[in-house]
Amino acid sequence: MLNYLNEKNREIYKRRINKAYQFDTYEEARTELDQIIHDLERLNLSAARSLAEGLEETLTLQRLGLKELFGKSFSTTNIIENLNSQLGRYLRNVKRWQSSDQRYRWVACALLEIELRMRKVSNYKHLDAMAITIQAEIEK
């Protein structure tokens, strides 16, 4: 989203967006982000659309009331990006896959190796509370 803006506006909107995501409640964060989208629509429509595109997904922790417990670990895409990067290192030398079943086995083996070096999710002991909250949301 920020790539659509010039350097001056990039810094301004980066600060505003980061501030909006720091709100603990969904309503506060959503209101602030909607205002940012509104402002961006006058400045750069592509930037506004980019921010609006995944807005609901980025506010999931606030909407479920889990930001305080899991915000540190799940507020960014670092976890999945790190995993994908490590998988790439394990699998990059395989030039020819015999079948998709073989690919699944390689990925599974790589994940088992990677798991040994990964850090725990902050507040991992409360993941059961996250599962219960998500299940309740699904049932709504």
N, C-alpha and C. Protein backbone atom coordinates (compact mmCIF):
# COMPACT_ATOMS: atom_id res chain seq x y z
N MET A 1 0.82 -1.18 0.00
CA MET A 1 0.00 0.00 0.00
C MET A 1 0.87 1.25 0.00
N LEU A 2 1.88 1.26 0.84
CA LEU A 2 2.74 2.43 0.95
C LEU A 2 3.56 2.67 -0.32
N ASN A 3 3.76 1.63 -1.10
CA ASN A 3 4.53 1.78 -2.34
C ASN A 3 3.85 2.68 -3.35
N TYR A 4 2.57 2.89 -3.20
CA TYR A 4 1.83 3.76 -4.12
C TYR A 4 2.06 5.25 -3.81
N LEU A 5 2.66 5.54 -2.67
CA LEU A 5 2.80 6.93 -2.22
C LEU A 5 4.23 7.44 -2.41
N ASN A 6 4.36 8.77 -2.52
CA ASN A 6 5.70 9.35 -2.58
C ASN A 6 6.32 9.28 -1.18
N GLU A 7 7.61 9.54 -1.07
CA GLU A 7 8.33 9.33 0.20
C GLU A 7 7.76 10.15 1.34
N LYS A 8 7.40 11.39 1.07
CA LYS A 8 6.85 12.26 2.13
C LYS A 8 5.55 11.68 2.68
N ASN A 9 4.63 11.36 1.80
CA ASN A 9 3.34 10.80 2.23
C ASN A 9 3.49 9.39 2.79
N ARG A 10 4.46 8.65 2.30
CA ARG A 10 4.69 7.29 2.77
C ARG A 10 4.95 7.28 4.28
N GLU A 11 5.80 8.17 4.74
CA GLU A 11 6.12 8.23 6.17
C GLU A 11 4.92 8.67 7.00
N ILE A 12 4.19 9.65 6.50
CA ILE A 12 3.00 10.15 7.21
C ILE A 12 1.98 9.03 7.37
N TYR A 13 1.67 8.33 6.29
CA TYR A 13 0.65 7.29 6.35
C TYR A 13 1.14 6.03 7.05
N LYS A 14 2.40 5.77 6.99
CA LYS A 14 2.96 4.63 7.73
C LYS A 14 2.74 4.83 9.23
N ARG A 15 3.02 6.04 9.72
CA ARG A 15 2.80 6.34 11.13
C ARG A 15 1.31 6.26 11.49
N ARG A 16 0.46 6.81 10.63
CA ARG A 16 -0.98 6.79 10.91
C ARG A 16 -1.53 5.36 10.95
N ILE A 17 -1.09 4.55 10.01
CA ILE A 17 -1.56 3.16 9.96
C ILE A 17 -1.07 2.38 11.17
N ASN A 18 0.20 2.53 11.50
CA ASN A 18 0.73 1.83 12.68
C ASN A 18 0.00 2.24 13.94
N LYS A 19 -0.31 3.53 14.06
CA LYS A 19 -1.05 4.02 15.22
C LYS A 19 -2.45 3.39 15.26
N ALA A 20 -3.09 3.30 14.11
CA ALA A 20 -4.44 2.72 14.04
C ALA A 20 -4.43 1.26 14.48
N TYR A 21 -3.43 0.52 14.08
CA TYR A 21 -3.37 -0.90 14.45
C TYR A 21 -3.00 -1.12 15.91
N GLN A 22 -2.56 -0.09 16.59
CA GLN A 22 -2.24 -0.21 18.01
C GLN A 22 -3.47 -0.17 18.90
N PHE A 23 -4.59 0.29 18.37
CA PHE A 23 -5.83 0.31 19.16
C PHE A 23 -6.21 -1.11 19.56
N ASP A 24 -6.68 -1.26 20.77
CA ASP A 24 -7.05 -2.58 21.27
C ASP A 24 -8.41 -3.04 20.78
N THR A 25 -9.31 -2.09 20.52
CA THR A 25 -10.66 -2.50 20.11
C THR A 25 -10.81 -2.39 18.60
N TYR A 26 -11.66 -3.27 18.09
CA TYR A 26 -11.95 -3.30 16.67
C TYR A 26 -12.56 -1.99 16.20
N GLU A 27 -13.50 -1.46 16.97
CA GLU A 27 -14.22 -0.26 16.56
C GLU A 27 -13.28 0.93 16.40
N GLU A 28 -12.38 1.12 17.36
CA GLU A 28 -11.42 2.23 17.29
C GLU A 28 -10.49 2.08 16.08
N ALA A 29 -9.95 0.89 15.93
CA ALA A 29 -9.01 0.65 14.83
C ALA A 29 -9.72 0.80 13.49
N ARG A 30 -10.91 0.24 13.37
CA ARG A 30 -11.65 0.31 12.11
C ARG A 30 -12.01 1.75 11.76
N THR A 31 -12.45 2.53 12.74
CA THR A 31 -12.80 3.93 12.51
C THR A 31 -11.59 4.71 12.00
N GLU A 32 -10.45 4.51 12.65
CA GLU A 32 -9.24 5.22 12.24
C GLU A 32 -8.78 4.79 10.85
N LEU A 33 -8.82 3.50 10.56
CA LEU A 33 -8.40 3.02 9.24
C LEU A 33 -9.37 3.47 8.15
N ASP A 34 -10.66 3.52 8.45
CA ASP A 34 -11.62 4.05 7.48
C ASP A 34 -11.33 5.51 7.16
N GLN A 35 -10.94 6.27 8.16
CA GLN A 35 -10.59 7.67 7.94
C GLN A 35 -9.33 7.77 7.06
N ILE A 36 -8.37 6.91 7.30
CA ILE A 36 -7.15 6.90 6.49
C ILE A 36 -7.50 6.55 5.05
N ILE A 37 -8.35 5.57 4.84
CA ILE A 37 -8.77 5.20 3.49
C ILE A 37 -9.46 6.38 2.82
N HIS A 38 -10.33 7.05 3.56
CA HIS A 38 -11.02 8.22 3.02
C HIS A 38 -10.02 9.29 2.59
N ASP A 39 -9.02 9.55 3.43
CA ASP A 39 -8.00 10.54 3.09
C ASP A 39 -7.18 10.10 1.88
N LEU A 40 -6.87 8.83 1.83
CA LEU A 40 -6.07 8.30 0.71
C LEU A 40 -6.82 8.36 -0.62
N GLU A 41 -8.14 8.23 -0.57
CA GLU A 41 -8.92 8.28 -1.81
C GLU A 41 -8.72 9.58 -2.55
N ARG A 42 -8.48 10.67 -1.82
CA ARG A 42 -8.23 11.96 -2.46
C ARG A 42 -6.78 12.07 -2.94
N LEU A 43 -5.89 11.35 -2.28
CA LEU A 43 -4.47 11.44 -2.59
C LEU A 43 -4.04 10.43 -3.65
N ASN A 44 -4.44 9.16 -3.45
CA ASN A 44 -4.02 8.10 -4.35
C ASN A 44 -5.01 6.94 -4.22
N LEU A 45 -5.83 6.78 -5.23
CA LEU A 45 -6.89 5.78 -5.20
C LEU A 45 -6.34 4.36 -5.09
N SER A 46 -5.22 4.09 -5.74
CA SER A 46 -4.62 2.75 -5.67
C SER A 46 -4.18 2.42 -4.25
N ALA A 47 -3.61 3.37 -3.55
CA ALA A 47 -3.19 3.16 -2.16
C ALA A 47 -4.41 2.91 -1.28
N ALA A 48 -5.47 3.67 -1.50
CA ALA A 48 -6.70 3.50 -0.72
C ALA A 48 -7.29 2.11 -0.94
N ARG A 49 -7.34 1.69 -2.18
CA ARG A 49 -7.89 0.37 -2.49
C ARG A 49 -7.03 -0.74 -1.92
N SER A 50 -5.74 -0.56 -1.94
CA SER A 50 -4.82 -1.56 -1.39
C SER A 50 -5.03 -1.72 0.11
N LEU A 51 -5.18 -0.63 0.82
CA LEU A 51 -5.42 -0.69 2.26
C LEU A 51 -6.78 -1.32 2.56
N ALA A 52 -7.79 -0.95 1.79
CA ALA A 52 -9.14 -1.46 2.02
C ALA A 52 -9.26 -2.94 1.69
N GLU A 53 -8.42 -3.43 0.80
CA GLU A 53 -8.55 -4.80 0.30
C GLU A 53 -8.52 -5.86 1.40
N GLY A 54 -7.59 -5.79 2.29
CA GLY A 54 -7.49 -6.82 3.33
C GLY A 54 -7.80 -6.29 4.71
N LEU A 55 -8.54 -5.22 4.77
CA LEU A 55 -8.76 -4.53 6.03
C LEU A 55 -9.38 -5.42 7.11
N GLU A 56 -10.44 -6.12 6.78
CA GLU A 56 -11.11 -6.97 7.78
C GLU A 56 -10.17 -8.05 8.32
N GLU A 57 -9.40 -8.65 7.44
CA GLU A 57 -8.49 -9.71 7.87
C GLU A 57 -7.42 -9.18 8.82
N THR A 58 -6.96 -7.96 8.57
CA THR A 58 -5.90 -7.40 9.42
C THR A 58 -6.41 -6.99 10.79
N LEU A 59 -7.70 -6.90 10.95
CA LEU A 59 -8.29 -6.52 12.24
C LEU A 59 -8.88 -7.71 13.00
N THR A 60 -8.57 -8.91 12.58
CA THR A 60 -9.15 -10.10 13.18
C THR A 60 -8.85 -10.20 14.68
N LEU A 61 -7.61 -9.95 15.08
CA LEU A 61 -7.28 -10.05 16.50
C LEU A 61 -8.08 -9.07 17.34
N GLN A 62 -8.25 -7.84 16.84
CA GLN A 62 -9.04 -6.86 17.58
C GLN A 62 -10.51 -7.29 17.63
N ARG A 63 -11.03 -7.76 16.50
CA ARG A 63 -12.44 -8.14 16.43
C ARG A 63 -12.74 -9.30 17.38
N LEU A 64 -11.81 -10.22 17.53
CA LEU A 64 -12.00 -11.37 18.41
C LEU A 64 -11.61 -11.08 19.86
N GLY A 65 -11.07 -9.89 20.11
CA GLY A 65 -10.64 -9.55 21.46
C GLY A 65 -9.38 -10.26 21.89
N LEU A 66 -8.53 -10.63 20.95
CA LEU A 66 -7.32 -11.40 21.24
C LEU A 66 -6.03 -10.62 21.01
N LYS A 67 -6.14 -9.34 20.73
CA LYS A 67 -4.94 -8.56 20.41
C LYS A 67 -3.96 -8.51 21.57
N GLU A 68 -4.48 -8.35 22.76
CA GLU A 68 -3.59 -8.24 23.93
C GLU A 68 -2.78 -9.53 24.13
N LEU A 69 -3.43 -10.67 23.94
CA LEU A 69 -2.74 -11.94 24.14
C LEU A 69 -1.80 -12.31 23.00
N PHE A 70 -2.24 -12.08 21.75
CA PHE A 70 -1.51 -12.61 20.61
C PHE A 70 -1.02 -11.56 19.61
N GLY A 71 -1.20 -10.29 19.94
CA GLY A 71 -0.81 -9.23 19.01
C GLY A 71 0.67 -9.27 18.64
N LYS A 72 1.52 -9.58 19.60
CA LYS A 72 2.96 -9.59 19.34
C LYS A 72 3.34 -10.63 18.29
N SER A 73 2.73 -11.79 18.33
CA SER A 73 3.09 -12.86 17.40
C SER A 73 2.32 -12.81 16.08
N PHE A 74 1.05 -12.42 16.13
CA PHE A 74 0.21 -12.55 14.94
C PHE A 74 -0.18 -11.25 14.27
N SER A 75 0.38 -10.13 14.70
CA SER A 75 0.03 -8.85 14.07
C SER A 75 0.80 -8.60 12.79
N THR A 76 1.78 -9.42 12.51
CA THR A 76 2.54 -9.28 11.27
C THR A 76 2.54 -10.61 10.53
N THR A 77 3.06 -10.59 9.33
CA THR A 77 3.18 -11.82 8.55
C THR A 77 4.55 -12.46 8.72
N ASN A 78 5.32 -12.00 9.69
CA ASN A 78 6.68 -12.51 9.88
C ASN A 78 6.73 -14.02 10.07
N ILE A 79 5.78 -14.57 10.79
CA ILE A 79 5.79 -16.01 11.06
C ILE A 79 5.74 -16.79 9.76
N ILE A 80 4.78 -16.47 8.92
CA ILE A 80 4.63 -17.24 7.67
C ILE A 80 5.76 -16.93 6.69
N GLU A 81 6.22 -15.68 6.66
CA GLU A 81 7.33 -15.34 5.78
C GLU A 81 8.60 -16.07 6.18
N ASN A 82 8.85 -16.18 7.47
CA ASN A 82 10.00 -16.91 7.96
C ASN A 82 9.90 -18.39 7.58
N LEU A 83 8.74 -18.97 7.78
CA LEU A 83 8.52 -20.37 7.44
C LEU A 83 8.71 -20.61 5.95
N ASN A 84 8.14 -19.75 5.12
CA ASN A 84 8.28 -19.90 3.68
C ASN A 84 9.74 -19.78 3.24
N SER A 85 10.46 -18.86 3.85
CA SER A 85 11.87 -18.68 3.53
C SER A 85 12.68 -19.94 3.87
N GLN A 86 12.43 -20.48 5.05
CA GLN A 86 13.16 -21.69 5.45
C GLN A 86 12.78 -22.89 4.57
N LEU A 87 11.51 -23.00 4.22
CA LEU A 87 11.09 -24.07 3.31
C LEU A 87 11.80 -23.94 1.97
N GLY A 88 11.91 -22.69 1.49
CA GLY A 88 12.60 -22.45 0.23
C GLY A 88 14.04 -22.95 0.27
N ARG A 89 14.71 -22.73 1.40
CA ARG A 89 16.09 -23.20 1.53
C ARG A 89 16.19 -24.71 1.49
N TYR A 90 15.24 -25.39 2.10
CA TYR A 90 15.25 -26.85 2.09
C TYR A 90 14.92 -27.43 0.72
N LEU A 91 14.01 -26.81 0.03
CA LEU A 91 13.47 -27.40 -1.19
C LEU A 91 14.08 -26.86 -2.48
N ARG A 92 14.92 -25.85 -2.40
CA ARG A 92 15.42 -25.21 -3.62
C ARG A 92 16.32 -26.11 -4.46
N ASN A 93 16.94 -27.08 -3.86
CA ASN A 93 17.85 -27.94 -4.61
C ASN A 93 17.15 -29.10 -5.30
N VAL A 94 15.90 -29.32 -4.99
CA VAL A 94 15.15 -30.38 -5.66
C VAL A 94 14.71 -29.85 -7.01
N LYS A 95 15.24 -30.44 -8.06
CA LYS A 95 14.99 -29.93 -9.41
C LYS A 95 13.83 -30.63 -10.11
N ARG A 96 13.56 -31.85 -9.71
CA ARG A 96 12.51 -32.59 -10.42
C ARG A 96 11.71 -33.41 -9.41
N TRP A 97 10.42 -33.11 -9.35
CA TRP A 97 9.53 -33.85 -8.46
C TRP A 97 8.93 -35.00 -9.24
N GLN A 98 8.94 -36.19 -8.64
CA GLN A 98 8.36 -37.36 -9.30
C GLN A 98 6.83 -37.30 -9.30
N SER A 99 6.29 -36.81 -8.17
CA SER A 99 4.83 -36.73 -8.04
C SER A 99 4.50 -35.71 -6.96
N SER A 100 3.24 -35.36 -6.88
CA SER A 100 2.84 -34.42 -5.83
C SER A 100 2.97 -35.08 -4.46
N ASP A 101 2.80 -36.40 -4.41
CA ASP A 101 2.97 -37.12 -3.15
C ASP A 101 4.41 -36.97 -2.64
N GLN A 102 5.36 -37.02 -3.55
CA GLN A 102 6.76 -36.83 -3.16
C GLN A 102 6.98 -35.41 -2.64
N ARG A 103 6.37 -34.45 -3.30
CA ARG A 103 6.49 -33.05 -2.85
C ARG A 103 5.95 -32.90 -1.43
N TYR A 104 4.80 -33.52 -1.14
CA TYR A 104 4.23 -33.45 0.20
C TYR A 104 5.18 -34.04 1.24
N ARG A 105 5.80 -35.17 0.90
CA ARG A 105 6.74 -35.80 1.84
C ARG A 105 7.94 -34.90 2.11
N TRP A 106 8.48 -34.27 1.06
CA TRP A 106 9.62 -33.37 1.22
C TRP A 106 9.24 -32.19 2.10
N VAL A 107 8.09 -31.61 1.85
CA VAL A 107 7.64 -30.46 2.64
C VAL A 107 7.44 -30.87 4.09
N ALA A 108 6.83 -32.03 4.32
CA ALA A 108 6.62 -32.51 5.68
C ALA A 108 7.94 -32.72 6.41
N CYS A 109 8.91 -33.32 5.74
CA CYS A 109 10.23 -33.53 6.36
C CYS A 109 10.90 -32.20 6.66
N ALA A 110 10.80 -31.27 5.74
CA ALA A 110 11.40 -29.96 5.95
C ALA A 110 10.74 -29.26 7.14
N LEU A 111 9.43 -29.34 7.24
CA LEU A 111 8.72 -28.70 8.36
C LEU A 111 9.12 -29.30 9.70
N LEU A 112 9.35 -30.60 9.73
CA LEU A 112 9.79 -31.23 10.97
C LEU A 112 11.17 -30.71 11.39
N GLU A 113 12.05 -30.52 10.42
CA GLU A 113 13.38 -29.97 10.72
C GLU A 113 13.29 -28.51 11.16
N ILE A 114 12.49 -27.74 10.46
CA ILE A 114 12.34 -26.31 10.74
C ILE A 114 11.73 -26.10 12.13
N GLU A 115 10.78 -26.93 12.48
CA GLU A 115 10.08 -26.79 13.76
C GLU A 115 11.04 -26.75 14.94
N LEU A 116 12.12 -27.49 14.86
CA LEU A 116 13.09 -27.56 15.96
C LEU A 116 13.75 -26.21 16.24
N ARG A 117 13.84 -25.35 15.22
CA ARG A 117 14.52 -24.07 15.37
C ARG A 117 13.57 -22.88 15.51
N MET A 118 12.30 -23.12 15.42
CA MET A 118 11.35 -22.01 15.51
C MET A 118 11.09 -21.63 16.96
N ARG A 119 10.86 -20.33 17.18
CA ARG A 119 10.51 -19.85 18.51
C ARG A 119 9.03 -20.08 18.78
N LYS A 120 8.69 -20.14 20.03
CA LYS A 120 7.29 -20.33 20.41
C LYS A 120 6.51 -19.04 20.21
N VAL A 121 5.26 -19.19 19.95
CA VAL A 121 4.34 -18.06 19.86
C VAL A 121 4.22 -17.46 21.26
N SER A 122 4.29 -16.14 21.34
CA SER A 122 4.07 -15.49 22.64
C SER A 122 2.70 -15.88 23.18
N ASN A 123 2.64 -16.21 24.45
CA ASN A 123 1.40 -16.63 25.11
C ASN A 123 0.84 -17.93 24.52
N TYR A 124 1.73 -18.80 24.06
CA TYR A 124 1.29 -20.05 23.43
C TYR A 124 0.41 -20.90 24.37
N LYS A 125 0.54 -20.69 25.66
CA LYS A 125 -0.26 -21.46 26.61
C LYS A 125 -1.74 -21.08 26.54
N HIS A 126 -2.04 -19.98 25.87
CA HIS A 126 -3.42 -19.51 25.75
C HIS A 126 -4.01 -19.81 24.37
N LEU A 127 -3.33 -20.63 23.57
CA LEU A 127 -3.84 -20.94 22.24
C LEU A 127 -5.19 -21.67 22.30
N ASP A 128 -5.45 -22.38 23.39
CA ASP A 128 -6.75 -23.02 23.52
C ASP A 128 -7.86 -21.98 23.61
N ALA A 129 -7.58 -20.85 24.26
CA ALA A 129 -8.56 -19.75 24.32
C ALA A 129 -8.81 -19.18 22.93
N MET A 130 -7.75 -19.12 22.13
CA MET A 130 -7.91 -18.64 20.75
C MET A 130 -8.79 -19.61 19.97
N ALA A 131 -8.55 -20.90 20.13
CA ALA A 131 -9.34 -21.90 19.41
C ALA A 131 -10.81 -21.82 19.80
N ILE A 132 -11.09 -21.64 21.07
CA ILE A 132 -12.47 -21.53 21.55
C ILE A 132 -13.13 -20.27 20.99
N THR A 133 -12.40 -19.17 20.98
CA THR A 133 -12.94 -17.91 20.46
C THR A 133 -13.23 -18.01 18.97
N ILE A 134 -12.32 -18.62 18.23
CA ILE A 134 -12.52 -18.78 16.78
C ILE A 134 -13.70 -19.70 16.51
N GLN A 135 -13.81 -20.80 17.25
CA GLN A 135 -14.93 -21.71 17.07
C GLN A 135 -16.26 -21.02 17.35
N ALA A 136 -16.31 -20.22 18.40
CA ALA A 136 -17.53 -19.48 18.71
C ALA A 136 -17.88 -18.50 17.60
N GLU A 137 -16.87 -17.87 17.02
CA GLU A 137 -17.10 -16.93 15.92
C GLU A 137 -17.62 -17.65 14.69
N ILE A 138 -17.09 -18.82 14.42
CA ILE A 138 -17.55 -19.62 13.27
C ILE A 138 -19.02 -20.02 13.43
N GLU A 139 -19.38 -20.35 14.65
CA GLU A 139 -20.75 -20.80 14.91
C GLU A 139 -21.77 -19.68 14.87
N LYS A 140 -21.34 -18.42 14.91
CA LYS A 140 -22.27 -17.28 14.85
C LYS A 140 -22.95 -17.20 13.52
